[in-house]
Amino acid sequence: MPLVGVARTATIALNNATLKHGLDIANKGLQQALADDSHLLNGLNVHAGNVTYKAVATQLNLDYLDARQALNI
């Protein structure tokens, strides 16, 4: 049995989950979109050379900077 239906529905589900964020970034700009949406902000890992996701910084033994500080928001 081919898995074409699974790939199609997975693509549709991913699009439904992420399209709003892409449109917000396009319409508002990255900084404003991140400032307006805490869920989108929580997905930020690196900004301007700063690691803004604590778990990533810890795993890579790098300095961590809070995303709001890195963005000045």
PDB file of N, CA and C in Angstrom:
ATOM      1  N   MET A   1       0.842  -1.183   0.000  1.00  0.00           N
ATOM      2  CA  MET A   1       0.000   0.000   0.000  1.00  0.00           C
ATOM      3  C   MET A   1       0.888   1.248   0.000  1.00  0.00           C
ATOM      4  N   PRO A   2       0.731   2.134  -0.959  1.00  0.00           N
ATOM      5  CA  PRO A   2       1.563   3.351  -1.004  1.00  0.00           C
ATOM      6  C   PRO A   2       1.212   4.322   0.118  1.00  0.00           C
ATOM      7  N   LEU A   3       2.184   5.109   0.523  1.00  0.00           N
ATOM      8  CA  LEU A   3       1.999   6.068   1.613  1.00  0.00           C
ATOM      9  C   LEU A   3       1.729   7.471   1.094  1.00  0.00           C
ATOM     10  N   VAL A   4       1.253   7.595  -0.118  1.00  0.00           N
ATOM     11  CA  VAL A   4       1.000   8.905  -0.712  1.00  0.00           C
ATOM     12  C   VAL A   4       0.010   9.704   0.120  1.00  0.00           C
ATOM     13  N   GLY A   5      -1.029   9.069   0.611  1.00  0.00           N
ATOM     14  CA  GLY A   5      -2.038   9.762   1.417  1.00  0.00           C
ATOM     15  C   GLY A   5      -1.469  10.316   2.703  1.00  0.00           C
ATOM     16  N   VAL A   6      -0.541   9.596   3.310  1.00  0.00           N
ATOM     17  CA  VAL A   6       0.075  10.056   4.553  1.00  0.00           C
ATOM     18  C   VAL A   6       0.928  11.292   4.281  1.00  0.00           C
ATOM     19  N   ALA A   7       1.732  11.247   3.234  1.00  0.00           N
ATOM     20  CA  ALA A   7       2.577  12.394   2.912  1.00  0.00           C
ATOM     21  C   ALA A   7       1.726  13.619   2.596  1.00  0.00           C
ATOM     22  N   ARG A   8       0.640  13.413   1.878  1.00  0.00           N
ATOM     23  CA  ARG A   8      -0.234  14.529   1.513  1.00  0.00           C
ATOM     24  C   ARG A   8      -0.885  15.131   2.745  1.00  0.00           C
ATOM     25  N   THR A   9      -1.438  14.302   3.600  1.00  0.00           N
ATOM     26  CA  THR A   9      -2.122  14.837   4.784  1.00  0.00           C
ATOM     27  C   THR A   9      -1.123  15.454   5.762  1.00  0.00           C
ATOM     28  N   ALA A  10       0.087  14.902   5.842  1.00  0.00           N
ATOM     29  CA  ALA A  10       1.102  15.491   6.711  1.00  0.00           C
ATOM     30  C   ALA A  10       1.503  16.870   6.203  1.00  0.00           C
ATOM     31  N   THR A  11       1.617  17.018   4.893  1.00  0.00           N
ATOM     32  CA  THR A  11       1.958  18.314   4.306  1.00  0.00           C
ATOM     33  C   THR A  11       0.854  19.327   4.559  1.00  0.00           C
ATOM     34  N   ILE A  12      -0.377  18.905   4.410  1.00  0.00           N
ATOM     35  CA  ILE A  12      -1.505  19.806   4.665  1.00  0.00           C
ATOM     36  C   ILE A  12      -1.529  20.221   6.136  1.00  0.00           C
ATOM     37  N   ALA A  13      -1.307  19.275   7.032  1.00  0.00           N
ATOM     38  CA  ALA A  13      -1.306  19.584   8.467  1.00  0.00           C
ATOM     39  C   ALA A  13      -0.184  20.551   8.823  1.00  0.00           C
ATOM     40  N   LEU A  14       1.009  20.334   8.270  1.00  0.00           N
ATOM     41  CA  LEU A  14       2.127  21.239   8.538  1.00  0.00           C
ATOM     42  C   LEU A  14       1.831  22.634   8.011  1.00  0.00           C
ATOM     43  N   ASN A  15       1.264  22.719   6.838  1.00  0.00           N
ATOM     44  CA  ASN A  15       0.899  24.014   6.267  1.00  0.00           C
ATOM     45  C   ASN A  15      -0.128  24.728   7.150  1.00  0.00           C
ATOM     46  N   ASN A  16      -1.126  23.992   7.601  1.00  0.00           N
ATOM     47  CA  ASN A  16      -2.155  24.590   8.454  1.00  0.00           C
ATOM     48  C   ASN A  16      -1.575  25.107   9.769  1.00  0.00           C
ATOM     49  N   ALA A  17      -0.552  24.429  10.273  1.00  0.00           N
ATOM     50  CA  ALA A  17       0.044  24.823  11.556  1.00  0.00           C
ATOM     51  C   ALA A  17       1.017  25.987  11.429  1.00  0.00           C
ATOM     52  N   THR A  18       1.632  26.177  10.259  1.00  0.00           N
ATOM     53  CA  THR A  18       2.696  27.165  10.143  1.00  0.00           C
ATOM     54  C   THR A  18       2.376  28.371   9.260  1.00  0.00           C
ATOM     55  N   LEU A  19       1.358  28.294   8.440  1.00  0.00           N
ATOM     56  CA  LEU A  19       1.064  29.371   7.499  1.00  0.00           C
ATOM     57  C   LEU A  19       0.829  30.701   8.210  1.00  0.00           C
ATOM     58  N   LYS A  20       0.085  30.694   9.308  1.00  0.00           N
ATOM     59  CA  LYS A  20      -0.192  31.928  10.041  1.00  0.00           C
ATOM     60  C   LYS A  20       1.107  32.615  10.464  1.00  0.00           C
ATOM     61  N   HIS A  21       2.068  31.839  10.934  1.00  0.00           N
ATOM     62  CA  HIS A  21       3.334  32.415  11.390  1.00  0.00           C
ATOM     63  C   HIS A  21       4.107  33.019  10.221  1.00  0.00           C
ATOM     64  N   GLY A  22       4.141  32.333   9.104  1.00  0.00           N
ATOM     65  CA  GLY A  22       4.816  32.872   7.933  1.00  0.00           C
ATOM     66  C   GLY A  22       4.194  34.162   7.449  1.00  0.00           C
ATOM     67  N   LEU A  23       2.868  34.215   7.453  1.00  0.00           N
ATOM     68  CA  LEU A  23       2.163  35.435   7.046  1.00  0.00           C
ATOM     69  C   LEU A  23       2.412  36.576   8.030  1.00  0.00           C
ATOM     70  N   ASP A  24       2.433  36.258   9.318  1.00  0.00           N
ATOM     71  CA  ASP A  24       2.717  37.290  10.320  1.00  0.00           C
ATOM     72  C   ASP A  24       4.114  37.875  10.119  1.00  0.00           C
ATOM     73  N   ILE A  25       5.096  37.023   9.873  1.00  0.00           N
ATOM     74  CA  ILE A  25       6.463  37.503   9.649  1.00  0.00           C
ATOM     75  C   ILE A  25       6.513  38.363   8.394  1.00  0.00           C
ATOM     76  N   ALA A  26       5.830  37.924   7.333  1.00  0.00           N
ATOM     77  CA  ALA A  26       5.831  38.674   6.079  1.00  0.00           C
ATOM     78  C   ALA A  26       5.134  40.028   6.231  1.00  0.00           C
ATOM     79  N   ASN A  27       4.039  40.055   6.963  1.00  0.00           N
ATOM     80  CA  ASN A  27       3.253  41.284   7.087  1.00  0.00           C
ATOM     81  C   ASN A  27       3.778  42.254   8.145  1.00  0.00           C
ATOM     82  N   LYS A  28       4.324  41.720   9.234  1.00  0.00           N
ATOM     83  CA  LYS A  28       4.736  42.570  10.355  1.00  0.00           C
ATOM     84  C   LYS A  28       6.242  42.771  10.445  1.00  0.00           C
ATOM     85  N   GLY A  29       6.999  41.913   9.799  1.00  0.00           N
ATOM     86  CA  GLY A  29       8.439  41.886  10.006  1.00  0.00           C
ATOM     87  C   GLY A  29       8.745  40.933  11.139  1.00  0.00           C
ATOM     88  N   LEU A  30       9.969  40.403  11.144  1.00  0.00           N
ATOM     89  CA  LEU A  30      10.332  39.379  12.126  1.00  0.00           C
ATOM     90  C   LEU A  30      10.200  39.866  13.563  1.00  0.00           C
ATOM     91  N   GLN A  31      10.770  41.013  13.871  1.00  0.00           N
ATOM     92  CA  GLN A  31      10.790  41.473  15.259  1.00  0.00           C
ATOM     93  C   GLN A  31       9.378  41.695  15.805  1.00  0.00           C
ATOM     94  N   GLN A  32       8.521  42.349  15.048  1.00  0.00           N
ATOM     95  CA  GLN A  32       7.160  42.611  15.529  1.00  0.00           C
ATOM     96  C   GLN A  32       6.357  41.321  15.640  1.00  0.00           C
ATOM     97  N   ALA A  33       6.524  40.422  14.677  1.00  0.00           N
ATOM     98  CA  ALA A  33       5.814  39.139  14.734  1.00  0.00           C
ATOM     99  C   ALA A  33       6.216  38.358  15.977  1.00  0.00           C
ATOM    100  N   LEU A  34       7.502  38.349  16.299  1.00  0.00           N
ATOM    101  CA  LEU A  34       7.973  37.658  17.499  1.00  0.00           C
ATOM    102  C   LEU A  34       7.478  38.349  18.764  1.00  0.00           C
ATOM    103  N   ALA A  35       7.450  39.665  18.768  1.00  0.00           N
ATOM    104  CA  ALA A  35       6.973  40.407  19.936  1.00  0.00           C
ATOM    105  C   ALA A  35       5.489  40.163  20.187  1.00  0.00           C
ATOM    106  N   ASP A  36       4.727  39.978  19.120  1.00  0.00           N
ATOM    107  CA  ASP A  36       3.274  39.803  19.231  1.00  0.00           C
ATOM    108  C   ASP A  36       2.843  38.377  19.556  1.00  0.00           C
ATOM    109  N   ASP A  37       3.710  37.395  19.331  1.00  0.00           N
ATOM    110  CA  ASP A  37       3.300  35.989  19.455  1.00  0.00           C
ATOM    111  C   ASP A  37       4.313  35.217  20.292  1.00  0.00           C
ATOM    112  N   SER A  38       3.950  34.924  21.530  1.00  0.00           N
ATOM    113  CA  SER A  38       4.876  34.231  22.424  1.00  0.00           C
ATOM    114  C   SER A  38       5.215  32.832  21.925  1.00  0.00           C
ATOM    115  N   HIS A  39       4.279  32.175  21.218  1.00  0.00           N
ATOM    116  CA  HIS A  39       4.554  30.837  20.689  1.00  0.00           C
ATOM    117  C   HIS A  39       5.631  30.905  19.606  1.00  0.00           C
ATOM    118  N   LEU A  40       5.551  31.887  18.751  1.00  0.00           N
ATOM    119  CA  LEU A  40       6.559  32.078  17.718  1.00  0.00           C
ATOM    120  C   LEU A  40       7.896  32.453  18.358  1.00  0.00           C
ATOM    121  N   LEU A  41       7.865  33.306  19.348  1.00  0.00           N
ATOM    122  CA  LEU A  41       9.081  33.709  20.063  1.00  0.00           C
ATOM    123  C   LEU A  41       9.754  32.500  20.713  1.00  0.00           C
ATOM    124  N   ASN A  42       8.961  31.588  21.267  1.00  0.00           N
ATOM    125  CA  ASN A  42       9.513  30.389  21.905  1.00  0.00           C
ATOM    126  C   ASN A  42      10.233  29.487  20.910  1.00  0.00           C
ATOM    127  N   GLY A  43       9.948  29.637  19.631  1.00  0.00           N
ATOM    128  CA  GLY A  43      10.613  28.834  18.615  1.00  0.00           C
ATOM    129  C   GLY A  43      11.920  29.420  18.125  1.00  0.00           C
ATOM    130  N   LEU A  44      12.266  30.609  18.590  1.00  0.00           N
ATOM    131  CA  LEU A  44      13.513  31.250  18.167  1.00  0.00           C
ATOM    132  C   LEU A  44      14.687  30.590  18.884  1.00  0.00           C
ATOM    133  N   ASN A  45      15.651  30.077  18.125  1.00  0.00           N
ATOM    134  CA  ASN A  45      16.824  29.420  18.704  1.00  0.00           C
ATOM    135  C   ASN A  45      18.054  30.301  18.693  1.00  0.00           C
ATOM    136  N   VAL A  46      18.229  31.089  17.626  1.00  0.00           N
ATOM    137  CA  VAL A  46      19.410  31.933  17.462  1.00  0.00           C
ATOM    138  C   VAL A  46      18.981  33.246  16.841  1.00  0.00           C
ATOM    139  N   HIS A  47      19.537  34.348  17.329  1.00  0.00           N
ATOM    140  CA  HIS A  47      19.266  35.656  16.731  1.00  0.00           C
ATOM    141  C   HIS A  47      20.523  36.510  16.848  1.00  0.00           C
ATOM    142  N   ALA A  48      20.958  37.053  15.730  1.00  0.00           N
ATOM    143  CA  ALA A  48      22.110  37.965  15.685  1.00  0.00           C
ATOM    144  C   ALA A  48      23.332  37.393  16.407  1.00  0.00           C
ATOM    145  N   GLY A  49      23.570  36.115  16.225  1.00  0.00           N
ATOM    146  CA  GLY A  49      24.731  35.470  16.829  1.00  0.00           C
ATOM    147  C   GLY A  49      24.554  35.044  18.266  1.00  0.00           C
ATOM    148  N   ASN A  50      23.369  35.254  18.834  1.00  0.00           N
ATOM    149  CA  ASN A  50      23.087  34.867  20.218  1.00  0.00           C
ATOM    150  C   ASN A  50      22.186  33.644  20.240  1.00  0.00           C
ATOM    151  N   VAL A  51      22.508  32.685  21.114  1.00  0.00           N
ATOM    152  CA  VAL A  51      21.645  31.522  21.298  1.00  0.00           C
ATOM    153  C   VAL A  51      20.531  31.944  22.241  1.00  0.00           C
ATOM    154  N   THR A  52      19.296  31.875  21.746  1.00  0.00           N
ATOM    155  CA  THR A  52      18.146  32.388  22.484  1.00  0.00           C
ATOM    156  C   THR A  52      17.224  31.277  22.992  1.00  0.00           C
ATOM    157  N   TYR A  53      17.689  30.047  22.911  1.00  0.00           N
ATOM    158  CA  TYR A  53      16.922  28.909  23.419  1.00  0.00           C
ATOM    159  C   TYR A  53      17.814  28.183  24.416  1.00  0.00           C
ATOM    160  N   LYS A  54      17.385  28.199  25.673  1.00  0.00           N
ATOM    161  CA  LYS A  54      18.247  27.732  26.767  1.00  0.00           C
ATOM    162  C   LYS A  54      18.713  26.289  26.585  1.00  0.00           C
ATOM    163  N   ALA A  55      17.834  25.396  26.168  1.00  0.00           N
ATOM    164  CA  ALA A  55      18.218  23.991  26.008  1.00  0.00           C
ATOM    165  C   ALA A  55      19.301  23.830  24.945  1.00  0.00           C
ATOM    166  N   VAL A  56      19.223  24.591  23.879  1.00  0.00           N
ATOM    167  CA  VAL A  56      20.243  24.537  22.826  1.00  0.00           C
ATOM    168  C   VAL A  56      21.570  25.040  23.379  1.00  0.00           C
ATOM    169  N   ALA A  57      21.545  26.162  24.071  1.00  0.00           N
ATOM    170  CA  ALA A  57      22.768  26.718  24.656  1.00  0.00           C
ATOM    171  C   ALA A  57      23.406  25.728  25.625  1.00  0.00           C
ATOM    172  N   THR A  58      22.602  25.099  26.444  1.00  0.00           N
ATOM    173  CA  THR A  58      23.101  24.135  27.415  1.00  0.00           C
ATOM    174  C   THR A  58      23.748  22.939  26.719  1.00  0.00           C
ATOM    175  N   GLN A  59      23.047  22.381  25.735  1.00  0.00           N
ATOM    176  CA  GLN A  59      23.566  21.209  25.032  1.00  0.00           C
ATOM    177  C   GLN A  59      24.856  21.506  24.279  1.00  0.00           C
ATOM    178  N   LEU A  60      24.978  22.713  23.765  1.00  0.00           N
ATOM    179  CA  LEU A  60      26.164  23.078  22.988  1.00  0.00           C
ATOM    180  C   LEU A  60      27.223  23.798  23.820  1.00  0.00           C
ATOM    181  N   ASN A  61      26.951  23.931  25.128  1.00  0.00           N
ATOM    182  CA  ASN A  61      27.862  24.605  26.051  1.00  0.00           C
ATOM    183  C   ASN A  61      28.198  26.021  25.567  1.00  0.00           C
ATOM    184  N   LEU A  62      27.146  26.760  25.204  1.00  0.00           N
ATOM    185  CA  LEU A  62      27.281  28.136  24.727  1.00  0.00           C
ATOM    186  C   LEU A  62      26.549  29.082  25.666  1.00  0.00           C
ATOM    187  N   ASP A  63      26.881  30.356  25.580  1.00  0.00           N
ATOM    188  CA  ASP A  63      26.183  31.361  26.373  1.00  0.00           C
ATOM    189  C   ASP A  63      24.744  31.486  25.888  1.00  0.00           C
ATOM    190  N   TYR A  64      23.853  31.747  26.823  1.00  0.00           N
ATOM    191  CA  TYR A  64      22.428  31.909  26.533  1.00  0.00           C
ATOM    192  C   TYR A  64      22.034  33.360  26.743  1.00  0.00           C
ATOM    193  N   LEU A  65      21.225  33.877  25.824  1.00  0.00           N
ATOM    194  CA  LEU A  65      20.647  35.208  25.978  1.00  0.00           C
ATOM    195  C   LEU A  65      19.153  35.092  25.725  1.00  0.00           C
ATOM    196  N   ASP A  66      18.345  35.586  26.663  1.00  0.00           N
ATOM    197  CA  ASP A  66      16.897  35.530  26.514  1.00  0.00           C
ATOM    198  C   ASP A  66      16.488  36.189  25.194  1.00  0.00           C
ATOM    199  N   ALA A  67      15.540  35.574  24.513  1.00  0.00           N
ATOM    200  CA  ALA A  67      15.119  36.045  23.199  1.00  0.00           C
ATOM    201  C   ALA A  67      14.634  37.495  23.253  1.00  0.00           C
ATOM    202  N   ARG A  68      13.894  37.856  24.297  1.00  0.00           N
ATOM    203  CA  ARG A  68      13.401  39.243  24.400  1.00  0.00           C
ATOM    204  C   ARG A  68      14.551  40.229  24.528  1.00  0.00           C
ATOM    205  N   GLN A  69      15.605  39.840  25.230  1.00  0.00           N
ATOM    206  CA  GLN A  69      16.782  40.716  25.332  1.00  0.00           C
ATOM    207  C   GLN A  69      17.499  40.817  23.991  1.00  0.00           C
ATOM    208  N   ALA A  70      17.638  39.709  23.303  1.00  0.00           N
ATOM    209  CA  ALA A  70      18.324  39.708  22.008  1.00  0.00           C
ATOM    210  C   ALA A  70      17.595  40.575  20.991  1.00  0.00           C
ATOM    211  N   LEU A  71      16.257  40.606  21.092  1.00  0.00           N
ATOM    212  CA  LEU A  71      15.434  41.373  20.166  1.00  0.00           C
ATOM    213  C   LEU A  71      15.150  42.784  20.663  1.00  0.00           C
ATOM    214  N   ASN A  72      15.534  43.079  21.901  1.00  0.00           N
ATOM    215  CA  ASN A  72      15.214  44.385  22.522  1.00  0.00           C
ATOM    216  C   ASN A  72      13.712  44.647  22.555  1.00  0.00           C
ATOM    217  N   ILE A  73      12.960  43.639  23.014  1.00  0.00           N
ATOM    218  CA  ILE A  73      11.497  43.828  23.134  1.00  0.00           C
ATOM    219  C   ILE A  73      11.068  43.603  24.562  1.00  0.00           C
TER     220      ILE A  73
END
